[in-house]
Every structure is written in structure tokens, then in C-alpha cells.
Amino acid sequence: MGFMFLLAGLILLNVVTRYSGVPIYWVDESAVYSVVWLTFIGASAMTRLRLDFAVSMLSERLSERGRNVAKVIATAMVVAFGLSLAAMCWLWMDPVGIARAGFDARAFAGETFNFLYTERTQTLNWPTWVLYLILPIFAVSMIIHGLANLVEDIGLVPPAAIRGFVLSDVDGVN
């Protein structure tokens, strides 16, 4: 909700300053990064709440047991995706390599040709690696949410009743 408030505020600020003839040049870029962070955080939350896409064309033709098996497989694939993304983030961000270089971004880039820690955003002049942290955050939260859904799908724990959200009762696999 904080990112939604921030995004609305940035867009409103952009409209007001442009209309008044004194646009603030960094507002567009900050709004874009707010949308990116909001999207990844929202996607992870939607996965836990099972408000993501459901494919029911196949599952509606299956028996109850078949639907449950398909749901477990789909949820396991979400966990596998999260694990794969986390592994790719580990390779890309190379925390061991940057630590080995003494957290010297230029030395690290010279050794590995990984310029992640030397790049900066165009108008805000922020280090891009800080903004890219949403990817490993998303991967870890996707793994956690996927595992929570998986233990519910397998039947190890009863499905959580999450207050404030009307969860889907569609028999589709999501």
C-alpha cells in the first residue's frame, strides 16, 4: 500500500509541476521504479493469496484427485521458479565476489566484467543495484509463499484464512 501511495503521490506531483510550468525531472524515473517494486511485491502477494492466473481448461475435466495433483504440481513449479530466480540473482549480484573485492565496485567490475555495482540511474543518480534488490526479494518471497501454498495443497496444514481478502474458490489450478 505504501508503494501505491508513493506512486499516486509522484504522479500527482508530476501533473502539478508540469501544469505549473516547473516540471521536476526525476519524478518520472521514480514513478517507474515505484511501479516496478509495486509489481513484484504485488505478484508475490497475489501468489500467496492465490489471486494469480488460473488455468481451468484442463483442470475442470479432471477428477477431484486429479485437480489436487495438478494444483500441487503447479505450486511446486512456482517454488521451482522462485529457486531458479534466486540462483540467477545470486550469480548476477555475486555477493561473495563483491565482498572478495573489498566492496570496491570498480575492482569487482574489472575482475568479473560485472558492472552492476558501478551503474547509476539516469536522473536520480542512485546505484542501480539498490533498485535491482527487488529481484532477490521477490525470489525469496515467492519461495516462501509457494512453500506455504504447497504445504496447504499437500494437506499438511489447513488452508489459511486470510482476513480482508476474498480468495478465489474456482477449481482452476493457479
C-alpha atoms as a PDB file:
ATOM      1  CA  MET A   1       0.000   0.000   0.000  1.00  0.00           C
ATOM      2  CA  GLY A   2       2.945   2.267   0.655  1.00  0.00           C
ATOM      3  CA  PHE A   3       4.183   1.927  -2.907  1.00  0.00           C
ATOM      4  CA  MET A   4       0.693   2.603  -4.241  1.00  0.00           C
ATOM      5  CA  PHE A   5       0.527   5.774  -2.149  1.00  0.00           C
ATOM      6  CA  LEU A   6       4.023   6.758  -3.298  1.00  0.00           C
ATOM      7  CA  LEU A   7       3.117   6.149  -6.944  1.00  0.00           C
ATOM      8  CA  ALA A   8      -0.080   8.196  -6.700  1.00  0.00           C
ATOM      9  CA  GLY A   9       1.819  10.986  -4.966  1.00  0.00           C
ATOM     10  CA  LEU A  10       4.570  11.014  -7.585  1.00  0.00           C
ATOM     11  CA  ILE A  11       2.088  11.105 -10.450  1.00  0.00           C
ATOM     12  CA  LEU A  12       0.115  13.891  -8.771  1.00  0.00           C
ATOM     13  CA  LEU A  13       3.341  15.819  -8.147  1.00  0.00           C
ATOM     14  CA  ASN A  14       4.312  15.327 -11.790  1.00  0.00           C
ATOM     15  CA  VAL A  15       0.953  16.615 -13.039  1.00  0.00           C
ATOM     16  CA  VAL A  16       1.002  19.666 -10.777  1.00  0.00           C
ATOM     17  CA  THR A  17       4.594  20.636 -11.526  1.00  0.00           C
ATOM     18  CA  ARG A  18       4.207  20.157 -15.275  1.00  0.00           C
ATOM     19  CA  TYR A  19       0.955  22.124 -15.309  1.00  0.00           C
ATOM     20  CA  SER A  20       2.579  24.942 -13.371  1.00  0.00           C
ATOM     21  CA  GLY A  21       5.483  25.053 -15.846  1.00  0.00           C
ATOM     22  CA  VAL A  22       8.220  23.854 -13.497  1.00  0.00           C
ATOM     23  CA  PRO A  23       8.492  20.088 -14.040  1.00  0.00           C
ATOM     24  CA  ILE A  24      10.727  18.114 -11.729  1.00  0.00           C
ATOM     25  CA  TYR A  25      12.849  15.921 -13.976  1.00  0.00           C
ATOM     26  CA  TRP A  26      13.412  12.984 -11.587  1.00  0.00           C
ATOM     27  CA  VAL A  27       9.729  12.315 -10.825  1.00  0.00           C
ATOM     28  CA  ASP A  28       9.173  10.212 -13.955  1.00  0.00           C
ATOM     29  CA  GLU A  29      12.040   7.875 -13.137  1.00  0.00           C
ATOM     30  CA  SER A  30      10.963   7.497  -9.507  1.00  0.00           C
ATOM     31  CA  ALA A  31       7.412   6.694 -10.608  1.00  0.00           C
ATOM     32  CA  VAL A  32       8.737   3.991 -12.942  1.00  0.00           C
ATOM     33  CA  TYR A  33      10.788   2.389 -10.162  1.00  0.00           C
ATOM     34  CA  SER A  34       7.788   2.592  -7.819  1.00  0.00           C
ATOM     35  CA  VAL A  35       5.713   0.697 -10.376  1.00  0.00           C
ATOM     36  CA  VAL A  36       8.436  -1.940 -10.746  1.00  0.00           C
ATOM     37  CA  TRP A  37       8.701  -2.525  -6.991  1.00  0.00           C
ATOM     38  CA  LEU A  38       4.909  -2.467  -6.625  1.00  0.00           C
ATOM     39  CA  THR A  39       4.540  -5.041  -9.394  1.00  0.00           C
ATOM     40  CA  PHE A  40       6.997  -7.519  -7.916  1.00  0.00           C
ATOM     41  CA  ILE A  41       5.687  -7.166  -4.374  1.00  0.00           C
ATOM     42  CA  GLY A  42       2.112  -7.453  -5.637  1.00  0.00           C
ATOM     43  CA  ALA A  43       2.907 -10.522  -7.728  1.00  0.00           C
ATOM     44  CA  SER A  44       4.364 -12.303  -4.725  1.00  0.00           C
ATOM     45  CA  ALA A  45       1.397 -11.401  -2.522  1.00  0.00           C
ATOM     46  CA  MET A  46      -1.060 -12.463  -5.229  1.00  0.00           C
ATOM     47  CA  THR A  47       0.674 -15.825  -5.406  1.00  0.00           C
ATOM     48  CA  ARG A  48       0.167 -16.401  -1.694  1.00  0.00           C
ATOM     49  CA  LEU A  49      -3.444 -15.267  -1.878  1.00  0.00           C
ATOM     50  CA  ARG A  50      -3.995 -17.415  -4.978  1.00  0.00           C
ATOM     51  CA  LEU A  51      -5.257 -14.409  -6.877  1.00  0.00           C
ATOM     52  CA  ASP A  52      -2.954 -15.062  -9.801  1.00  0.00           C
ATOM     53  CA  PHE A  53      -3.932 -16.572 -13.125  1.00  0.00           C
ATOM     54  CA  ALA A  54      -5.879 -19.806 -13.077  1.00  0.00           C
ATOM     55  CA  VAL A  55      -5.944 -22.318 -15.900  1.00  0.00           C
ATOM     56  CA  SER A  56      -9.173 -24.237 -15.699  1.00  0.00           C
ATOM     57  CA  MET A  57      -9.479 -25.604 -19.221  1.00  0.00           C
ATOM     58  CA  LEU A  58      -7.705 -28.800 -18.241  1.00  0.00           C
ATOM     59  CA  SER A  59      -8.432 -28.968 -14.528  1.00  0.00           C
ATOM     60  CA  GLU A  60     -12.207 -28.730 -14.911  1.00  0.00           C
ATOM     61  CA  ARG A  61     -12.105 -32.018 -16.816  1.00  0.00           C
ATOM     62  CA  LEU A  62     -10.137 -33.787 -14.093  1.00  0.00           C
ATOM     63  CA  SER A  63     -11.436 -35.623 -11.070  1.00  0.00           C
ATOM     64  CA  GLU A  64     -11.092 -34.053  -7.618  1.00  0.00           C
ATOM     65  CA  ARG A  65      -7.912 -36.049  -7.024  1.00  0.00           C
ATOM     66  CA  GLY A  66      -6.561 -35.061 -10.439  1.00  0.00           C
ATOM     67  CA  ARG A  67      -7.265 -31.400  -9.687  1.00  0.00           C
ATOM     68  CA  ASN A  68      -5.395 -31.690  -6.407  1.00  0.00           C
ATOM     69  CA  VAL A  69      -2.412 -33.331  -8.113  1.00  0.00           C
ATOM     70  CA  ALA A  70      -2.386 -30.610 -10.783  1.00  0.00           C
ATOM     71  CA  LYS A  71      -2.537 -27.932  -8.088  1.00  0.00           C
ATOM     72  CA  VAL A  72       0.409 -29.489  -6.242  1.00  0.00           C
ATOM     73  CA  ILE A  73       2.419 -29.666  -9.486  1.00  0.00           C
ATOM     74  CA  ALA A  74       1.603 -26.048 -10.355  1.00  0.00           C
ATOM     75  CA  THR A  75       2.543 -24.859  -6.882  1.00  0.00           C
ATOM     76  CA  ALA A  76       5.787 -26.863  -6.993  1.00  0.00           C
ATOM     77  CA  MET A  77       6.577 -25.140 -10.297  1.00  0.00           C
ATOM     78  CA  VAL A  78       6.111 -21.754  -8.591  1.00  0.00           C
ATOM     79  CA  VAL A  79       8.614 -22.804  -5.927  1.00  0.00           C
ATOM     80  CA  ALA A  80      10.993 -24.062  -8.644  1.00  0.00           C
ATOM     81  CA  PHE A  81      10.676 -20.723 -10.452  1.00  0.00           C
ATOM     82  CA  GLY A  82      11.477 -18.863  -7.225  1.00  0.00           C
ATOM     83  CA  LEU A  83      14.502 -21.074  -6.596  1.00  0.00           C
ATOM     84  CA  SER A  84      15.728 -20.583 -10.172  1.00  0.00           C
ATOM     85  CA  LEU A  85      15.323 -16.816  -9.929  1.00  0.00           C
ATOM     86  CA  ALA A  86      17.123 -16.767  -6.578  1.00  0.00           C
ATOM     87  CA  ALA A  87      20.005 -18.759  -8.080  1.00  0.00           C
ATOM     88  CA  MET A  88      20.239 -16.393 -11.055  1.00  0.00           C
ATOM     89  CA  CYS A  89      20.203 -13.374  -8.720  1.00  0.00           C
ATOM     90  CA  TRP A  90      22.985 -14.950  -6.680  1.00  0.00           C
ATOM     91  CA  LEU A  91      25.092 -15.439  -9.811  1.00  0.00           C
ATOM     92  CA  TRP A  92      24.294 -11.977 -11.156  1.00  0.00           C
ATOM     93  CA  MET A  93      24.774  -9.998  -7.947  1.00  0.00           C
ATOM     94  CA  ASP A  94      27.674 -12.213  -6.808  1.00  0.00           C
ATOM     95  CA  PRO A  95      27.734 -11.145  -3.148  1.00  0.00           C
ATOM     96  CA  VAL A  96      30.780 -13.323  -2.461  1.00  0.00           C
ATOM     97  CA  GLY A  97      32.669 -11.760  -5.374  1.00  0.00           C
ATOM     98  CA  ILE A  98      31.935  -8.174  -4.351  1.00  0.00           C
ATOM     99  CA  ALA A  99      32.932  -9.000  -0.769  1.00  0.00           C
ATOM    100  CA  ARG A 100      36.136 -10.634  -2.042  1.00  0.00           C
ATOM    101  CA  ALA A 101      36.897  -7.396  -3.921  1.00  0.00           C
ATOM    102  CA  GLY A 102      36.621  -5.482  -0.646  1.00  0.00           C
ATOM    103  CA  PHE A 103      33.290  -3.964  -1.757  1.00  0.00           C
ATOM    104  CA  ASP A 104      35.231  -1.954  -4.339  1.00  0.00           C
ATOM    105  CA  ALA A 105      32.828  -1.812  -7.276  1.00  0.00           C
ATOM    106  CA  ARG A 106      35.473  -0.797  -9.818  1.00  0.00           C
ATOM    107  CA  ALA A 107      37.852  -3.571  -8.824  1.00  0.00           C
ATOM    108  CA  PHE A 108      34.988  -6.068  -8.917  1.00  0.00           C
ATOM    109  CA  ALA A 109      33.915  -4.858 -12.379  1.00  0.00           C
ATOM    110  CA  GLY A 110      37.500  -5.052 -13.624  1.00  0.00           C
ATOM    111  CA  GLU A 111      37.869  -8.647 -12.460  1.00  0.00           C
ATOM    112  CA  THR A 112      34.470 -10.007 -13.454  1.00  0.00           C
ATOM    113  CA  PHE A 113      33.124  -7.642 -16.126  1.00  0.00           C
ATOM    114  CA  ASN A 114      30.005  -7.390 -13.948  1.00  0.00           C
ATOM    115  CA  PHE A 115      29.208  -3.672 -13.880  1.00  0.00           C
ATOM    116  CA  LEU A 116      26.124  -3.961 -11.688  1.00  0.00           C
ATOM    117  CA  TYR A 117      27.707  -2.127  -8.772  1.00  0.00           C
ATOM    118  CA  THR A 118      29.168   0.705 -10.865  1.00  0.00           C
ATOM    119  CA  GLU A 119      25.986   1.691 -12.735  1.00  0.00           C
ATOM    120  CA  ARG A 120      23.787   4.566 -11.596  1.00  0.00           C
ATOM    121  CA  THR A 121      20.282   5.643 -12.595  1.00  0.00           C
ATOM    122  CA  GLN A 122      19.933   8.421 -15.151  1.00  0.00           C
ATOM    123  CA  THR A 123      18.168  11.186 -13.250  1.00  0.00           C
ATOM    124  CA  LEU A 124      18.143  10.125  -9.611  1.00  0.00           C
ATOM    125  CA  ASN A 125      21.822   9.106  -9.710  1.00  0.00           C
ATOM    126  CA  TRP A 126      21.092   6.180  -7.378  1.00  0.00           C
ATOM    127  CA  PRO A 127      23.111   2.977  -7.527  1.00  0.00           C
ATOM    128  CA  THR A 128      21.134   0.601  -9.718  1.00  0.00           C
ATOM    129  CA  TRP A 129      21.945  -2.426  -7.579  1.00  0.00           C
ATOM    130  CA  VAL A 130      19.763  -0.959  -4.816  1.00  0.00           C
ATOM    131  CA  LEU A 131      16.799  -0.820  -7.188  1.00  0.00           C
ATOM    132  CA  TYR A 132      17.548  -4.300  -8.515  1.00  0.00           C
ATOM    133  CA  LEU A 133      17.293  -5.717  -4.987  1.00  0.00           C
ATOM    134  CA  ILE A 134      13.594  -6.234  -5.677  1.00  0.00           C
ATOM    135  CA  LEU A 135      14.513  -9.295  -7.744  1.00  0.00           C
ATOM    136  CA  PRO A 136      16.080 -11.334  -4.928  1.00  0.00           C
ATOM    137  CA  ILE A 137      13.418 -10.035  -2.528  1.00  0.00           C
ATOM    138  CA  PHE A 138      10.773 -11.228  -4.977  1.00  0.00           C
ATOM    139  CA  ALA A 139      12.511 -14.589  -5.410  1.00  0.00           C
ATOM    140  CA  VAL A 140      12.731 -15.236  -1.660  1.00  0.00           C
ATOM    141  CA  SER A 141       9.158 -14.126  -1.005  1.00  0.00           C
ATOM    142  CA  MET A 142       7.947 -16.231  -3.942  1.00  0.00           C
ATOM    143  CA  ILE A 143       9.714 -19.262  -2.476  1.00  0.00           C
ATOM    144  CA  ILE A 144       8.206 -18.639   0.964  1.00  0.00           C
ATOM    145  CA  HIS A 145       4.709 -18.055  -0.394  1.00  0.00           C
ATOM    146  CA  GLY A 146       4.992 -21.013  -2.754  1.00  0.00           C
ATOM    147  CA  LEU A 147       6.095 -23.304   0.069  1.00  0.00           C
ATOM    148  CA  ALA A 148       3.225 -22.063   2.244  1.00  0.00           C
ATOM    149  CA  ASN A 149       0.785 -22.838  -0.568  1.00  0.00           C
ATOM    150  CA  LEU A 150       2.459 -26.196  -1.201  1.00  0.00           C
ATOM    151  CA  VAL A 151       2.089 -27.416   2.381  1.00  0.00           C
ATOM    152  CA  GLU A 152      -1.575 -26.412   2.192  1.00  0.00           C
ATOM    153  CA  ASP A 153      -2.040 -28.177  -1.152  1.00  0.00           C
ATOM    154  CA  ILE A 154      -0.424 -31.362   0.119  1.00  0.00           C
ATOM    155  CA  GLY A 155      -2.676 -31.244   3.172  1.00  0.00           C
ATOM    156  CA  LEU A 156      -0.018 -30.903   5.865  1.00  0.00           C
ATOM    157  CA  VAL A 157      -1.757 -27.808   7.226  1.00  0.00           C
ATOM    158  CA  PRO A 158      -5.270 -26.474   6.683  1.00  0.00           C
ATOM    159  CA  PRO A 159      -5.613 -23.592   4.205  1.00  0.00           C
ATOM    160  CA  ALA A 160      -5.025 -20.254   5.886  1.00  0.00           C
ATOM    161  CA  ALA A 161      -7.983 -17.948   6.270  1.00  0.00           C
ATOM    162  CA  ILE A 162      -6.596 -14.567   5.310  1.00  0.00           C
ATOM    163  CA  ARG A 163      -8.828 -11.787   6.554  1.00  0.00           C
ATOM    164  CA  GLY A 164      -9.566  -8.871   4.297  1.00  0.00           C
ATOM    165  CA  PHE A 165      -9.291 -10.804   1.053  1.00  0.00           C
ATOM    166  CA  VAL A 166     -11.937 -12.769  -0.764  1.00  0.00           C
ATOM    167  CA  LEU A 167      -9.989 -15.703  -2.028  1.00  0.00           C
ATOM    168  CA  SER A 168     -10.835 -17.479  -5.231  1.00  0.00           C
ATOM    169  CA  ASP A 169     -12.939 -20.582  -4.895  1.00  0.00           C
ATOM    170  CA  VAL A 170     -12.520 -21.528  -8.523  1.00  0.00           C
ATOM    171  CA  ASP A 171     -11.443 -25.103  -9.097  1.00  0.00           C
ATOM    172  CA  GLY A 172      -8.814 -23.963 -11.565  1.00  0.00           C
ATOM    173  CA  VAL A 173      -5.135 -24.536 -10.990  1.00  0.00           C
ATOM    174  CA  ASN A 174      -3.326 -21.332 -10.086  1.00  0.00           C
END
